[in-house]
C-alpha atoms as a PDB file:
ATOM      1  CA  MET A   1       0.135  -0.190  -0.066  1.00  0.00           C
ATOM      2  CA  LYS A   2       1.395   3.519  -1.042  1.00  0.00           C
ATOM      3  CA  VAL A   3       0.784   6.820   0.969  1.00  0.00           C
ATOM      4  CA  TYR A   4       1.262  10.564  -0.357  1.00  0.00           C
ATOM      5  CA  LEU A   5       2.910  13.308   1.751  1.00  0.00           C
ATOM      6  CA  LEU A   6       1.681  16.608   0.442  1.00  0.00           C
ATOM      7  CA  TRP A   7       4.082  19.557   1.720  1.00  0.00           C
ATOM      8  CA  HIS A   8       4.122  23.170   1.016  1.00  0.00           C
ATOM      9  CA  THR A   9       7.709  24.557   1.185  1.00  0.00           C
ATOM     10  CA  HIS A  10       9.490  27.639   0.492  1.00  0.00           C
ATOM     11  CA  GLU A  11      12.445  29.728   1.112  1.00  0.00           C
ATOM     12  CA  LEU A  12      11.933  31.970   4.288  1.00  0.00           C
ATOM     13  CA  THR A  13      14.719  34.822   5.465  1.00  0.00           C
ATOM     14  CA  ASP A  14      14.101  35.512   9.177  1.00  0.00           C
ATOM     15  CA  ASP A  15      16.152  36.491  12.299  1.00  0.00           C
ATOM     16  CA  PHE A  16      17.635  32.730  12.093  1.00  0.00           C
ATOM     17  CA  GLY A  17      18.988  33.402   8.355  1.00  0.00           C
ATOM     18  CA  THR A  18      17.814  32.001   5.463  1.00  0.00           C
ATOM     19  CA  HIS A  19      16.360  28.192   5.253  1.00  0.00           C
ATOM     20  CA  ASP A  20      13.311  26.269   3.945  1.00  0.00           C
ATOM     21  CA  GLU A  21      10.004  26.796   5.438  1.00  0.00           C
ATOM     22  CA  GLU A  22       8.337  22.997   5.288  1.00  0.00           C
ATOM     23  CA  LYS A  23       4.640  22.828   5.960  1.00  0.00           C
ATOM     24  CA  LEU A  24       3.083  18.867   5.962  1.00  0.00           C
ATOM     25  CA  ILE A  25      -0.544  19.415   4.773  1.00  0.00           C
ATOM     26  CA  GLY A  26      -1.458  15.805   4.998  1.00  0.00           C
ATOM     27  CA  VAL A  27      -0.990  12.036   3.993  1.00  0.00           C
ATOM     28  CA  PHE A  28      -3.431  10.878   1.493  1.00  0.00           C
ATOM     29  CA  SER A  29      -4.685   7.612   0.010  1.00  0.00           C
ATOM     30  CA  SER A  30      -3.598   8.569  -3.727  1.00  0.00           C
ATOM     31  CA  ALA A  31      -2.125  11.122  -5.596  1.00  0.00           C
ATOM     32  CA  GLU A  32      -5.219  12.059  -7.021  1.00  0.00           C
ATOM     33  CA  LYS A  33      -6.431  13.040  -3.500  1.00  0.00           C
ATOM     34  CA  ALA A  34      -3.347  14.896  -2.796  1.00  0.00           C
ATOM     35  CA  ASN A  35      -3.710  17.102  -5.754  1.00  0.00           C
ATOM     36  CA  ASP A  36      -7.094  17.838  -5.369  1.00  0.00           C
ATOM     37  CA  THR A  37      -5.925  19.466  -2.030  1.00  0.00           C
ATOM     38  CA  ILE A  38      -3.409  21.089  -4.032  1.00  0.00           C
ATOM     39  CA  LYS A  39      -6.302  22.988  -6.148  1.00  0.00           C
ATOM     40  CA  ARG A  40      -8.273  24.037  -2.884  1.00  0.00           C
ATOM     41  CA  TYR A  41      -4.992  25.393  -1.050  1.00  0.00           C
ATOM     42  CA  LYS A  42      -3.400  26.996  -3.778  1.00  0.00           C
ATOM     43  CA  ASN A  43      -5.600  30.108  -3.553  1.00  0.00           C
ATOM     44  CA  LEU A  44      -5.765  30.191   0.028  1.00  0.00           C
ATOM     45  CA  GLU A  45      -3.864  32.890   2.254  1.00  0.00           C
ATOM     46  CA  GLY A  46      -0.423  32.657   2.193  1.00  0.00           C
ATOM     47  CA  PHE A  47      -0.018  29.413  -0.163  1.00  0.00           C
ATOM     48  CA  ARG A  48      -1.371  32.176  -2.877  1.00  0.00           C
ATOM     49  CA  ASP A  49       1.707  34.069  -2.418  1.00  0.00           C
ATOM     50  CA  TYR A  50       4.113  31.184  -3.536  1.00  0.00           C
ATOM     51  CA  PRO A  51       4.781  29.440  -6.785  1.00  0.00           C
ATOM     52  CA  LEU A  52       2.609  26.285  -7.314  1.00  0.00           C
ATOM     53  CA  ASN A  53       5.822  24.029  -7.539  1.00  0.00           C
ATOM     54  CA  CYS A  54       6.108  25.156  -4.005  1.00  0.00           C
ATOM     55  CA  PHE A  55       3.771  22.208  -3.204  1.00  0.00           C
ATOM     56  CA  MET A  56       5.245  18.555  -3.444  1.00  0.00           C
ATOM     57  CA  ILE A  57       3.988  15.389  -3.239  1.00  0.00           C
ATOM     58  CA  ASP A  58       6.101  12.459  -1.833  1.00  0.00           C
ATOM     59  CA  GLU A  59       5.358   8.982  -2.513  1.00  0.00           C
ATOM     60  CA  TYR A  60       5.964   6.218   0.245  1.00  0.00           C
ATOM     61  CA  GLU A  61       5.480   2.655   0.576  1.00  0.00           C
ATOM     62  CA  MET A  62       3.963   1.380   4.104  1.00  0.00           C
ATOM     63  CA  ASP A  63       5.774  -0.520   6.402  1.00  0.00           C
ATOM     64  CA  LYS A  64       9.096   0.001   4.551  1.00  0.00           C
ATOM     65  CA  PRO A  65      12.085   2.134   5.573  1.00  0.00           C
ATOM     66  CA  THR A  66      13.190   4.483   3.047  1.00  0.00           C
ATOM     67  CA  ASN A  67      15.764   6.491   4.472  1.00  0.00           C
ATOM     68  CA  TRP A  68      18.398   6.525   7.397  1.00  0.00           C
ATOM     69  CA  LYS A  69      19.345   2.813   6.912  1.00  0.00           C
ATOM     70  CA  GLU A  70      22.925   3.713   8.325  1.00  0.00           C
ATOM     71  CA  GLY A  71      22.062   5.991  11.030  1.00  0.00           C
ATOM     72  CA  PHE A  72      22.445   9.621  10.832  1.00  0.00           C
ATOM     73  CA  PHE A  73      24.735  12.292  12.117  1.00  0.00           C
ATOM     74  CA  THR A  74      23.958  15.921  13.299  1.00  0.00           C
ATOM     75  CA  VAL A  75      26.195  18.984  11.666  1.00  0.00           C
ATOM     76  CA  ARG A  76      26.358  21.852  14.345  1.00  0.00           C
ATOM     77  CA  TRP A  77      26.669  25.520  13.136  1.00  0.00           C
ATOM     78  CA  THR A  78      28.896  27.804  14.741  1.00  0.00           C
ATOM     79  CA  GLU A  79      30.014  31.516  14.253  1.00  0.00           C
END
């Protein structure tokens, strides 16, 4: 079984510098349902200020790991 995660991502500059701001909008049972949600959200306040390609759909197979199979490490920024 597959699921589809719908994200809205855009670059944001604030007091912490420039970084990506990501919002998980939802998890859907089909790409069609995720796309229907994009159609509803694209004209809402905030979302309408960014291009349509800020919406992204990621497809995942249920019950199967996708990332981090070899662990992870954290990079710490210092000034």
